[in-house]
Each structure stands twice: as C-alpha cells, then as structure tokens.
Amino acid sequence: MKLEEEIQQSLFKSHQQKLAVNLTYTSNWLNSNFSALFKKSDITLQQFNVLRILRGQLPNYCNLKLIKERMLDKMSDASRIVDKLVAKKFIERIACPNDRRNINLKITKTGLTLLKRLDTIDDLTNSLFKNLNNAELERLNNLLDKLRG
C-alpha cells in the first residue's frame, strides 16, 4: 500500500519530507513485526541485537564498548540492556583478569538456545521483503548506504 494511503496524507512539502516520513513509517512497521516475534520470548529488539553481537564474538569475550559500537540503535542504554540479559541468564559477566574495572561479557548456553529459536526471524524477514526481487533489494541497500554518506 502506498504511504499516502497508509497515513491518509496526500501532500508533502518536498520529496525529501516524503522520504523521511516513509523511512520512519517503514522502520516502525519493521520494528512492529519483529517485536511481535520477540515478545513471545520476553526480550526486546535491542536485547536481541546484543545477543547476536555476543554470539558473533564467540568463542571470545566481549566488552561493553564493543557492544555499544556495534549496536543498531546507538541511542540504547547498553549497560541497562546487559543488566537485563544477565538477570535473565542469557549472558554472563566475567571480571577481566588484566583490568578489574573492565568486565568481559559472553553469551550463555541459555542465550544461544534462545537465539537458535529466534533464528526464525530470517524467515520473517524474507516474508516481509517478498515484494522485492534481489536486484531491487540490492539497489535499495545501495541507496540507503548512499543516503547515510
């Protein structure tokens, strides 16, 4: 469905304004679809992102700085997210032997099991983008990269 129909607005001040509204609307649409999947497992999109970062670091440990650098949502409070994941036993904190002020983080077996179950997000993503062919997907990715400079 066209943006104008979705938000019931037919006129925009400029193409740039329409694009900004369209990107925001589409981002919220994606987040809503993903959140429904995560809600069943009692985690958020940001917590899922941290778990995937930690899984990608295996077998190595990871520190909070690296997590912050790699998070998709740079405005998220990574420390608070890590605290919640530790409380849920999805990740563990280990004191760094070289620097007691630094904390190493690692995903637990419970966290890995959860991620394995949530790997169905790949199927969900494919179904959400089913209206675009591979050439369109590649073009859209390139345009978004260009937009961000």
Foldseek 3Di string as FASTA:
>chain_A
DDPCVVVVHDDDPDPVRVVVVVVVVVVVVVLVLLQVLCVVVPAHPQLLLLLVVQVVQPPDWDWQVVSCVRGPDNPDDSVVSVVVCVVVVQKDWDQDPVDRVTITMHGDPVVVVVVVVVVCVVVVVCVVCVVDDPVRVVVVVVVVVVVVD
